[in-house]
Protein backbone atom coordinates (compact mmCIF):
# COMPACT_ATOMS: atom_id res chain seq x y z
CA MET A 1 155.81 114.83 -25.80
CA GLU A 2 154.92 118.12 -24.35
CA PHE A 3 152.39 118.53 -21.41
CA GLU A 4 150.74 121.69 -20.17
CA ILE A 5 148.02 122.65 -17.95
CA SER A 6 144.93 124.72 -18.96
CA SER A 7 142.31 126.36 -16.61
CA ASP A 8 139.84 127.53 -19.03
CA VAL A 9 136.31 126.74 -19.03
CA PRO A 10 135.80 123.51 -21.29
CA GLN A 11 133.62 125.45 -24.00
CA GLN A 12 136.19 128.11 -24.41
CA LEU A 13 139.30 125.85 -24.99
CA ASP A 14 140.48 126.19 -28.39
CA SER A 15 141.90 122.48 -29.00
CA GLU A 16 141.95 120.54 -32.01
CA CYS A 17 140.40 117.71 -30.06
CA LEU A 18 138.78 117.67 -26.54
CA VAL A 19 138.18 114.43 -24.30
CA VAL A 20 135.54 114.20 -22.03
CA ALA A 21 134.13 111.69 -19.76
CA ILE A 22 130.65 110.47 -19.56
CA GLY A 23 129.69 107.86 -17.31
CA GLU A 24 126.43 105.15 -17.89
CA GLY A 25 123.48 107.46 -17.37
CA SER A 26 125.21 110.78 -16.47
CA LEU A 27 127.16 113.37 -17.49
CA THR A 28 130.48 114.44 -15.70
CA ALA A 29 131.06 118.44 -15.13
CA PRO A 30 132.61 119.20 -18.04
CA ALA A 31 130.45 117.18 -20.05
CA ARG A 32 127.58 119.10 -18.60
CA ALA A 33 129.52 122.48 -19.49
CA LEU A 34 129.70 121.34 -23.13
CA ASP A 35 126.46 119.94 -23.26
CA GLU A 36 124.75 123.21 -22.17
CA ALA A 37 126.78 125.24 -24.48
CA SER A 38 126.24 123.22 -27.21
CA GLN A 39 121.97 123.08 -26.69
CA GLY A 40 121.88 119.51 -25.60
CA ALA A 41 124.22 118.11 -28.29
CA ILE A 42 125.74 115.74 -26.14
CA SER A 43 122.57 114.71 -24.42
CA GLN A 44 121.07 113.93 -28.04
CA VAL A 45 123.62 111.71 -28.89
CA ILE A 46 123.18 109.59 -25.60
CA GLU A 47 119.58 109.57 -25.75
CA ALA A 48 119.89 108.58 -29.45
CA GLY A 49 121.93 105.48 -28.01
CA ASP A 50 125.10 106.27 -30.26
CA ILE A 51 126.68 106.27 -26.93
CA LYS A 52 125.82 104.51 -23.70
CA GLY A 53 128.80 105.85 -21.70
CA LYS A 54 130.00 101.90 -21.00
CA LYS A 55 133.28 101.88 -19.91
CA GLY A 56 136.10 102.37 -22.61
CA GLN A 57 133.30 103.27 -24.98
CA THR A 58 134.74 106.48 -27.24
CA MET A 59 132.49 108.71 -29.98
CA LEU A 60 134.07 111.74 -31.95
CA LEU A 61 131.92 114.85 -32.52
CA ARG A 62 132.79 117.44 -34.60
CA GLY A 63 131.59 120.95 -34.93
CA LEU A 64 129.75 121.37 -31.70
CA PRO A 65 127.94 124.64 -31.57
CA GLY A 66 129.06 126.92 -28.83
CA VAL A 67 132.17 124.84 -28.24
CA LYS A 68 135.72 126.36 -29.49
CA ALA A 69 137.27 123.09 -29.81
CA ARG A 70 137.29 121.48 -33.38
CA ARG A 71 136.39 118.13 -32.35
CA VAL A 72 135.32 116.63 -28.90
CA LEU A 73 135.96 112.93 -27.99
CA LEU A 74 133.63 111.45 -25.51
CA LEU A 75 134.91 108.60 -23.54
CA GLY A 76 132.75 106.24 -21.77
CA LEU A 77 133.19 105.43 -17.95
CA GLY A 78 131.05 102.81 -17.23
CA THR A 79 128.94 102.86 -13.78
CA ASP A 80 130.17 104.19 -10.64
CA GLU A 81 131.92 101.24 -9.34
CA GLN A 82 133.31 100.63 -12.50
CA ARG A 83 136.05 103.72 -12.21
CA ASN A 84 138.96 102.17 -10.67
CA ASP A 85 142.45 102.60 -11.34
CA SER A 86 142.79 99.86 -13.95
CA ASN A 87 139.60 101.18 -15.93
CA PHE A 88 141.15 104.70 -15.84
CA GLN A 89 144.29 103.49 -17.55
CA LYS A 90 142.14 101.44 -20.00
CA GLY A 91 140.08 104.84 -20.95
CA ILE A 92 143.11 106.78 -21.21
CA LYS A 93 144.45 103.92 -24.04
CA ALA A 94 141.11 103.97 -25.69
CA ALA A 95 141.02 107.96 -26.13
CA LEU A 96 144.77 107.72 -27.19
CA THR A 97 143.97 105.13 -29.91
CA VAL A 98 141.51 107.37 -31.26
CA LEU A 99 143.80 110.48 -30.97
CA LYS A 100 146.21 108.83 -33.10
CA SER A 101 144.25 107.77 -35.64
CA ILE A 102 142.81 111.19 -36.50
CA ASN A 103 146.47 112.56 -36.76
CA CYS A 104 145.52 115.61 -34.53
CA THR A 105 148.98 117.55 -33.18
CA GLU A 106 147.32 118.46 -29.83
CA ALA A 107 144.62 117.47 -27.60
CA THR A 108 143.06 118.50 -24.05
CA PHE A 109 141.81 116.28 -21.62
CA CYS A 110 139.00 117.46 -19.12
CA LEU A 111 138.79 114.57 -16.69
CA ASP A 112 137.78 115.45 -13.40
CA ASP A 113 137.20 113.77 -10.25
CA ALA A 114 134.34 111.62 -11.46
CA ALA A 115 136.72 109.71 -13.46
CA VAL A 116 138.29 107.50 -11.14
CA ASN A 117 137.27 106.74 -7.67
CA ASP A 118 139.42 107.54 -4.59
CA ARG A 119 142.27 109.36 -6.63
CA ASP A 120 142.98 113.16 -6.39
CA CYS A 121 144.43 115.73 -9.03
CA TYR A 122 147.84 114.49 -8.50
CA TRP A 123 147.54 110.91 -9.21
CA ARG A 124 144.96 111.65 -12.09
CA THR A 125 147.32 113.84 -13.69
CA ARG A 126 150.57 111.99 -13.18
CA GLN A 127 148.85 108.66 -14.42
CA LEU A 128 147.62 110.68 -17.63
CA VAL A 129 151.14 111.70 -18.27
CA GLU A 130 152.71 108.05 -17.87
CA GLN A 131 149.73 106.55 -19.93
CA ALA A 132 150.14 108.67 -22.58
CA VAL A 133 153.78 108.55 -23.02
CA ALA A 134 153.57 104.54 -22.91
CA GLU A 135 150.73 104.23 -25.27
CA LEU A 136 152.63 106.76 -27.74
CA TYR A 137 156.00 104.94 -27.17
CA ARG A 138 157.68 102.98 -30.26
CA PHE A 139 161.17 101.39 -30.71
CA GLU A 140 162.17 101.62 -33.88
CA GLN A 141 165.80 102.39 -33.25
CA MET A 142 167.06 99.20 -35.38
CA LYS A 143 164.69 99.70 -38.25
CA SER A 144 166.15 101.16 -41.89
CA LYS A 145 163.32 102.77 -42.38
CA PRO A 146 161.19 104.24 -39.61
CA GLY A 147 157.76 104.63 -39.78
CA ASP A 148 156.11 108.10 -40.03
CA PRO A 149 156.17 110.07 -36.72
CA LEU A 150 153.46 110.50 -34.66
CA SER A 151 151.42 113.51 -35.19
CA LEU A 152 150.12 114.11 -31.56
CA ALA A 153 153.08 116.20 -29.89
CA ARG A 154 151.25 118.13 -27.18
CA VAL A 155 148.45 117.25 -24.31
CA ARG A 156 146.98 119.78 -22.32
CA ILE A 157 145.34 118.83 -19.05
CA ASN A 158 142.41 120.78 -18.16
CA LEU A 159 142.31 121.41 -14.33
CA ASP A 160 140.43 124.09 -11.61
CA GLU A 161 142.53 127.11 -11.06
CA ALA A 162 142.96 125.84 -7.43
CA ASP A 163 144.63 122.47 -8.86
CA VAL A 164 146.90 124.40 -11.31
CA GLU A 165 150.21 123.98 -9.11
CA THR A 166 149.23 120.48 -8.10
CA GLY A 167 149.02 119.62 -11.72
CA GLU A 168 152.50 121.19 -12.58
CA VAL A 169 154.27 118.85 -9.98
CA ALA A 170 152.36 116.15 -11.33
CA ILE A 171 153.09 116.30 -14.89
CA SER A 172 157.10 117.15 -14.13
CA GLU A 173 157.32 114.03 -11.66
CA GLY A 174 154.80 112.03 -14.41
CA ALA A 175 157.19 112.88 -17.15
CA ALA A 176 160.22 111.98 -15.08
CA LEU A 177 158.93 108.58 -14.29
CA ALA A 178 157.53 107.96 -18.15
CA ASN A 179 160.99 108.72 -19.12
CA GLY A 180 162.56 105.92 -16.88
CA VAL A 181 159.78 103.47 -18.17
CA SER A 182 160.87 104.45 -21.81
CA THR A 183 164.77 104.01 -20.63
CA ALA A 184 164.06 100.71 -19.49
CA ARG A 185 161.99 99.39 -22.34
CA ASP A 186 164.16 100.60 -25.02
CA LEU A 187 166.95 98.81 -23.33
CA GLY A 188 165.25 95.62 -22.71
CA ASN A 189 164.34 95.91 -26.44
CA LEU A 190 167.74 95.94 -27.77
CA PRO A 191 169.10 92.72 -29.36
CA ALA A 192 171.84 91.08 -27.26
CA ASN A 193 174.36 91.65 -30.03
CA VAL A 194 174.01 95.19 -29.25
CA CYS A 195 173.12 95.49 -25.48
CA THR A 196 175.90 93.71 -23.93
CA PRO A 197 177.14 94.13 -20.68
CA ARG A 198 179.84 96.66 -21.66
CA TYR A 199 176.72 98.50 -23.41
CA LEU A 200 174.86 98.41 -20.17
CA ALA A 201 177.90 100.00 -18.28
CA ASP A 202 178.30 102.62 -21.13
CA GLN A 203 174.60 103.48 -20.57
CA ALA A 204 175.36 104.09 -16.75
CA ARG A 205 178.26 106.31 -17.81
CA GLU A 206 176.19 108.19 -19.97
CA LEU A 207 173.53 108.86 -17.34
CA ALA A 208 176.04 109.95 -14.85
CA GLU A 209 177.33 112.22 -17.26
CA GLN A 210 173.94 113.72 -18.00
CA HIS A 211 173.30 114.25 -14.11
CA PRO A 212 175.62 115.94 -11.69
CA SER A 213 173.76 113.95 -8.79
CA LEU A 214 174.97 110.79 -10.18
CA SER A 215 178.41 109.05 -10.42
CA CYS A 216 179.52 105.86 -11.96
CA GLN A 217 181.94 103.09 -11.40
CA VAL A 218 182.31 99.73 -13.06
CA LEU A 219 184.32 96.67 -12.25
CA GLU A 220 185.95 94.69 -14.33
CA GLU A 221 186.45 91.01 -14.32
CA ASP A 222 189.84 91.31 -12.56
CA GLU A 223 188.46 93.16 -9.73
CA MET A 224 185.46 90.74 -9.24
CA ARG A 225 188.21 88.22 -9.17
CA LYS A 226 190.12 90.14 -6.26
CA LEU A 227 186.66 90.48 -4.32
CA GLY A 228 186.08 86.70 -4.70
CA MET A 229 183.08 86.72 -6.77
CA GLY A 230 183.10 83.09 -7.88
CA SER A 231 179.98 82.77 -8.14
CA LEU A 232 179.05 85.45 -10.66
CA LEU A 233 182.10 84.36 -12.34
CA SER A 234 181.15 81.12 -12.97
CA VAL A 235 178.15 82.31 -15.14
CA THR A 236 180.04 84.37 -17.75
CA ALA A 237 182.86 81.64 -17.76
CA GLY A 238 181.24 80.17 -21.15
CA THR A 239 181.18 83.71 -23.22
CA GLU A 240 184.02 85.91 -24.52
CA GLU A 241 182.12 88.96 -23.40
CA PRO A 242 183.21 90.31 -19.94
CA ALA A 243 180.70 90.53 -16.94
CA GLN A 244 180.68 94.12 -15.38
CA LEU A 245 179.54 95.13 -11.97
CA ILE A 246 177.67 98.46 -12.58
CA VAL A 247 177.90 101.07 -9.70
CA LEU A 248 175.80 104.04 -10.03
CA GLU A 249 175.18 106.24 -7.10
CA TYR A 250 172.78 109.16 -6.77
CA ARG A 251 173.32 111.73 -3.93
CA GLY A 252 170.18 113.77 -3.08
CA ALA A 253 170.88 113.90 0.77
CA SER A 254 173.63 114.42 3.00
CA GLU A 255 176.76 111.97 2.95
CA GLY A 256 175.58 110.44 6.45
CA ASP A 257 172.05 109.49 5.24
CA LYS A 258 172.11 105.82 4.48
CA PRO A 259 171.07 105.06 0.96
CA HIS A 260 168.75 102.73 -0.70
CA VAL A 261 170.24 100.02 -2.76
CA LEU A 262 168.65 98.77 -5.76
CA VAL A 263 170.21 95.75 -7.18
CA GLY A 264 169.17 94.42 -11.10
CA LYS A 265 170.02 91.23 -12.62
CA GLY A 266 171.87 91.87 -15.97
CA ILE A 267 172.01 88.70 -18.07
CA THR A 268 172.18 90.16 -21.46
CA PHE A 269 171.42 87.18 -23.25
CA ASP A 270 170.55 83.78 -21.53
CA SER A 271 171.08 80.32 -23.46
CA GLY A 272 170.91 78.59 -20.33
CA GLY A 273 174.64 77.67 -20.32
CA ILE A 274 175.37 73.88 -20.46
CA SER A 275 171.83 73.05 -19.09
CA LEU A 276 170.79 74.63 -22.51
CA LYS A 277 167.19 76.13 -23.03
CA PRO A 278 164.89 74.76 -25.69
CA GLY A 279 165.12 76.51 -28.98
CA GLU A 280 161.75 77.98 -29.05
CA ALA A 281 161.06 81.48 -27.98
CA MET A 282 164.84 81.66 -26.98
CA ASP A 283 165.38 84.99 -29.04
CA GLU A 284 163.34 86.66 -25.70
CA MET A 285 166.11 85.74 -23.42
CA LYS A 286 167.43 89.39 -24.49
CA TYR A 287 164.60 90.24 -21.96
CA ASP A 288 166.74 88.41 -18.92
CA MET A 289 168.59 91.93 -18.41
CA CYS A 290 164.92 93.86 -17.53
CA GLY A 291 165.71 93.96 -13.94
CA ALA A 292 168.91 95.47 -14.75
CA ALA A 293 166.92 97.74 -17.32
CA SER A 294 164.33 98.69 -14.65
CA VAL A 295 166.89 99.71 -12.14
CA LEU A 296 168.74 102.39 -14.82
CA GLY A 297 164.98 103.38 -15.59
CA THR A 298 164.43 104.24 -11.95
CA MET A 299 168.01 106.09 -11.53
CA THR A 300 166.93 108.10 -14.66
CA ALA A 301 163.58 109.13 -12.70
CA VAL A 302 164.99 109.73 -9.44
CA ALA A 303 167.84 111.89 -10.84
CA GLU A 304 165.18 113.89 -13.24
CA MET A 305 162.84 114.54 -10.05
CA GLY A 306 165.84 115.16 -7.77
CA LEU A 307 164.81 113.43 -4.75
CA PRO A 308 166.14 114.41 -1.36
CA LEU A 309 167.68 110.88 -0.44
CA ASN A 310 170.65 108.65 -1.33
CA VAL A 311 170.26 106.01 -3.99
CA VAL A 312 172.87 103.15 -5.07
CA ALA A 313 172.37 101.28 -8.03
CA VAL A 314 174.52 97.62 -8.48
CA ILE A 315 174.01 96.15 -11.58
CA ALA A 316 175.62 92.31 -12.35
CA ALA A 317 175.82 92.41 -15.74
CA ALA A 318 176.58 89.05 -17.75
CA GLU A 319 176.05 86.66 -20.79
CA ASN A 320 175.57 82.93 -20.03
CA LEU A 321 176.56 81.03 -23.11
CA PRO A 322 177.95 77.34 -23.60
CA SER A 323 181.53 76.88 -24.45
CA GLY A 324 184.37 74.50 -23.52
CA HIS A 325 185.24 76.76 -20.76
CA ALA A 326 181.44 77.28 -19.56
CA THR A 327 180.48 76.03 -15.90
CA LYS A 328 179.28 72.43 -15.84
CA PRO A 329 176.45 71.09 -13.85
CA GLY A 330 178.22 70.03 -10.80
CA ASP A 331 180.58 72.51 -10.65
CA ILE A 332 180.94 73.93 -6.77
CA VAL A 333 181.95 77.69 -6.90
CA THR A 334 183.03 79.92 -3.93
CA SER A 335 180.71 83.36 -3.84
CA MET A 336 182.21 86.45 -2.31
CA SER A 337 180.69 85.70 0.84
CA GLY A 338 182.99 82.50 1.30
CA GLN A 339 179.63 80.20 1.18
CA THR A 340 180.10 77.34 -1.57
CA ILE A 341 177.63 76.54 -4.26
CA GLU A 342 176.87 73.31 -6.15
CA ILE A 343 175.68 74.16 -9.44
CA LEU A 344 173.27 71.81 -10.24
CA ASN A 345 171.71 73.97 -13.26
CA THR A 346 173.45 76.64 -15.27
CA ASP A 347 170.45 77.91 -16.11
CA ALA A 348 169.63 78.84 -12.68
CA GLU A 349 172.14 81.90 -13.41
CA GLY A 350 170.51 84.75 -12.43
CA ARG A 351 170.68 83.78 -8.41
CA LEU A 352 174.33 83.20 -9.02
CA VAL A 353 175.32 86.68 -10.16
CA LEU A 354 172.92 88.15 -7.67
CA CYS A 355 174.20 86.43 -4.55
CA ASP A 356 177.78 88.00 -5.22
CA ALA A 357 176.33 91.62 -6.10
CA LEU A 358 174.08 91.25 -2.66
CA THR A 359 177.00 90.83 -0.67
CA TYR A 360 178.92 93.45 -2.39
CA VAL A 361 176.12 96.10 -1.20
CA ALA A 362 176.61 95.68 2.49
CA ARG A 363 179.66 97.76 2.28
CA PHE A 364 177.36 100.86 1.74
CA ASN A 365 175.43 100.29 4.93
CA PRO A 366 172.24 100.51 3.00
CA ALA A 367 168.92 101.63 4.51
CA SER A 368 167.10 99.02 2.57
CA VAL A 369 168.16 96.82 -0.56
CA VAL A 370 165.43 95.62 -3.24
CA ASP A 371 166.68 93.19 -5.93
CA VAL A 372 164.84 93.15 -9.20
CA ALA A 373 165.24 90.03 -11.60
CA THR A 374 163.72 87.98 -14.31
CA LEU A 375 164.49 85.18 -12.28
CA THR A 376 162.05 82.04 -12.58
CA GLY A 377 159.50 80.68 -14.89
CA ALA A 378 157.71 79.67 -11.59
CA CYS A 379 156.84 83.03 -11.09
CA ILE A 380 154.84 82.94 -14.15
CA LEU A 381 153.06 79.95 -13.46
CA ALA A 382 152.09 81.22 -10.03
CA LEU A 383 151.24 84.84 -10.85
CA GLY A 384 150.97 84.88 -14.46
CA HIS A 385 151.76 88.05 -16.26
CA LYS A 386 149.83 90.99 -14.21
CA ALA A 387 151.74 90.57 -10.67
CA SER A 388 155.54 90.75 -9.80
CA GLY A 389 156.45 88.25 -6.90
CA LEU A 390 157.60 89.85 -3.72
CA LEU A 391 159.61 88.38 -1.03
CA SER A 392 161.19 89.82 1.72
CA ASN A 393 162.99 89.01 5.12
CA ASP A 394 161.58 92.47 6.45
CA ASP A 395 157.58 92.84 6.83
CA GLY A 396 157.83 96.75 7.29
CA LEU A 397 159.86 96.53 3.87
CA ALA A 398 157.26 94.48 1.91
CA GLY A 399 154.58 96.31 3.16
CA GLU A 400 155.93 99.66 1.70
CA LEU A 401 156.80 97.94 -1.53
CA LEU A 402 153.48 96.72 -1.67
CA ASP A 403 151.95 100.36 -0.97
CA ALA A 404 153.67 101.59 -3.92
CA ALA A 405 152.43 98.94 -6.13
CA ALA A 406 149.06 99.60 -5.17
CA TYR A 407 149.31 103.33 -5.77
CA THR A 408 151.17 103.03 -9.41
CA THR A 409 149.33 100.11 -10.09
CA ASP A 410 152.40 98.17 -10.94
CA LYS A 411 150.91 95.10 -9.16
CA ALA A 412 153.14 92.91 -6.68
CA TRP A 413 152.08 89.92 -4.71
CA ARG A 414 154.17 88.87 -1.48
CA LEU A 415 154.88 85.37 -1.28
CA PRO A 416 156.15 83.49 1.63
CA LEU A 417 159.70 82.98 2.67
CA TRP A 418 159.68 80.57 5.45
CA ASP A 419 162.44 78.51 6.55
CA ASP A 420 160.62 75.59 5.85
CA TYR A 421 161.61 75.75 2.06
CA GLN A 422 165.37 76.44 2.98
CA GLU A 423 165.95 72.44 3.26
CA GLN A 424 165.56 72.06 -0.57
CA LEU A 425 168.72 73.69 -1.10
CA ASP A 426 170.79 71.28 0.76
CA SER A 427 173.55 69.90 -1.04
CA ASN A 428 175.95 66.46 0.05
CA PHE A 429 179.03 68.19 -1.31
CA ALA A 430 178.84 72.16 -0.73
CA ASP A 431 177.18 74.69 1.47
CA MET A 432 174.23 74.51 -0.93
CA GLN A 433 173.11 73.95 -4.03
CA ASN A 434 171.67 76.08 -6.73
CA ILE A 435 168.18 74.95 -7.33
CA GLY A 436 165.63 73.44 -4.90
CA GLY A 437 163.43 71.20 -7.32
CA ARG A 438 160.28 72.03 -9.07
CA PRO A 439 158.28 72.73 -6.12
CA ALA A 440 157.79 76.31 -5.06
CA GLY A 441 160.78 77.35 -7.22
CA THR A 442 160.50 81.11 -7.14
CA ILE A 443 160.05 80.71 -3.24
CA THR A 444 163.53 78.53 -3.33
CA ALA A 445 165.26 80.82 -5.65
CA ALA A 446 164.51 83.68 -3.03
CA CYS A 447 165.43 81.41 -0.11
CA PHE A 448 168.94 81.08 -2.02
CA LEU A 449 169.53 85.26 -1.92
CA SER A 450 168.32 85.44 1.41
CA ARG A 451 171.28 83.56 2.57
CA PHE A 452 173.52 86.57 1.36
CA THR A 453 170.89 89.36 2.94
CA LYS A 454 171.47 88.78 6.44
CA GLU A 455 172.74 91.91 7.47
CA TYR A 456 170.31 94.09 6.37
CA ARG A 457 166.51 94.87 5.26
CA TRP A 458 165.74 92.92 1.93
CA ALA A 459 163.12 92.36 -0.66
CA HIS A 460 163.41 90.37 -4.27
CA LEU A 461 161.04 91.52 -6.56
CA ASP A 462 160.70 88.57 -9.40
CA ILE A 463 159.49 90.06 -13.04
CA ALA A 464 160.07 87.11 -14.77
CA GLY A 465 156.09 87.58 -15.75
CA THR A 466 155.93 91.23 -16.15
CA ALA A 467 158.95 92.78 -17.71
CA TRP A 468 157.92 91.47 -20.88
CA GLN A 469 155.00 90.59 -23.53
CA SER A 470 155.03 88.06 -25.98
CA GLY A 471 153.33 87.68 -29.24
CA LYS A 472 152.06 90.24 -31.36
CA GLN A 473 152.47 92.96 -28.86
CA LYS A 474 155.99 91.77 -27.85
CA GLY A 475 158.25 94.04 -26.14
CA ALA A 476 159.71 95.33 -22.84
CA THR A 477 156.92 96.65 -20.29
CA GLY A 478 159.16 98.96 -18.17
CA ARG A 479 157.88 97.49 -14.99
CA CYS A 480 159.03 97.52 -12.05
CA VAL A 481 160.02 101.34 -12.68
CA PRO A 482 156.79 102.82 -11.31
CA LEU A 483 156.71 100.74 -8.46
CA LEU A 484 160.44 101.22 -7.54
CA THR A 485 160.29 104.99 -8.14
CA GLN A 486 157.31 105.42 -5.70
CA TYR A 487 159.00 103.37 -3.15
CA LEU A 488 161.74 105.97 -3.23
CA ILE A 489 159.27 108.93 -3.29
CA ASP A 490 157.65 107.58 -0.18
CA ARG A 491 160.87 107.56 1.26
CA THR A 492 161.26 111.22 1.00
CA ALA A 493 157.82 111.92 2.58
């Protein structure tokens, strides 16, 4: 997909389809310009009741007199109060649905300040790029006969002359972010017989080869054993596929600058181990590596943008399968931190790989650490599929992540991390147990992780409800790539 800026007046734009917005009872400036050029053609269809300008409404007009574009697509914005971030995104999706159906190869969007409240040219342009790529995304790598390629190959964005430079920056950064999201979606959608821990390691190595700012190191199980990662290795004991600890370093600032660290849970298939999951929808457990996928997607975006800071990504990749060698409920293992863990449920494995990875990252003397994981079904019960769960040992870091979530609409909601919950992890036989019972399951999972993050500012993102969709639209979403990338962009401001 190609994106470019145009600054011609709307009626003079030579385009296969011009997308302009109208509100309920009002025309935006681009729509007024086309209405005047066409001697009131747009006003006439509105007065006739063919379109009312309600949010998400669309109407395609052809051959408007005085307008150079072959088609004009009217896009409803609704009332002034309805012009928020979410409805702007829905409007872009509605427009792209029409553009795909008419098989045009190029389209031009003329969406001015009136299209969304309290957002500037940079935000509108970047969001348009991100939404266009997301809406046109298809995963057909595993099909013997992929569908016909989409005809829409070029999108132009019409801006005032004064906004052209800003628009070009927004396109560049939006495209990088969209590529990061697509990377995460591709990895998440691959089946577990393809996307194994070793496959994830190979993808990290390939990414490092593509960008001189990146370097990659992969620790094998022998090296993890020497480091004392008994918790991580307990998860992979039941499978023949070896675990991989992937370390991807991005150098965009001086060597002395502390890096921001991202840690991703990379369970490429989670059967639950001996604590076997029910068979229904178990195929979706290929998505249990979406934390790792979002971290790799974020590193893709960061490298393409060339952000002036240092970032380290650490991915704990493993399979969780049952066998005669698998870890059993009641087993006790020793983590890299030296703390012992009584494993009461082998299906609570994400925290077992993450705790050793979180101990490992202290060596980087990090400015901040954010781990991302499809960690608990309890998070879906608490927040549904709209917001990721956020827990942190640092109020400032939590606020920075929530700001990034609000800016990108990659929503997150903070849950408490009070000491009151820690007692649910008490064990009679070890320093702690790996589950805290049904009450507050998302919080006690984060309490477990917090015992390994006392040396630095840390936050945990539980994306169990946001990493993928089920049903007819089943597929990875690419969250939280926008949130994480924006958080890192904000650190460079």
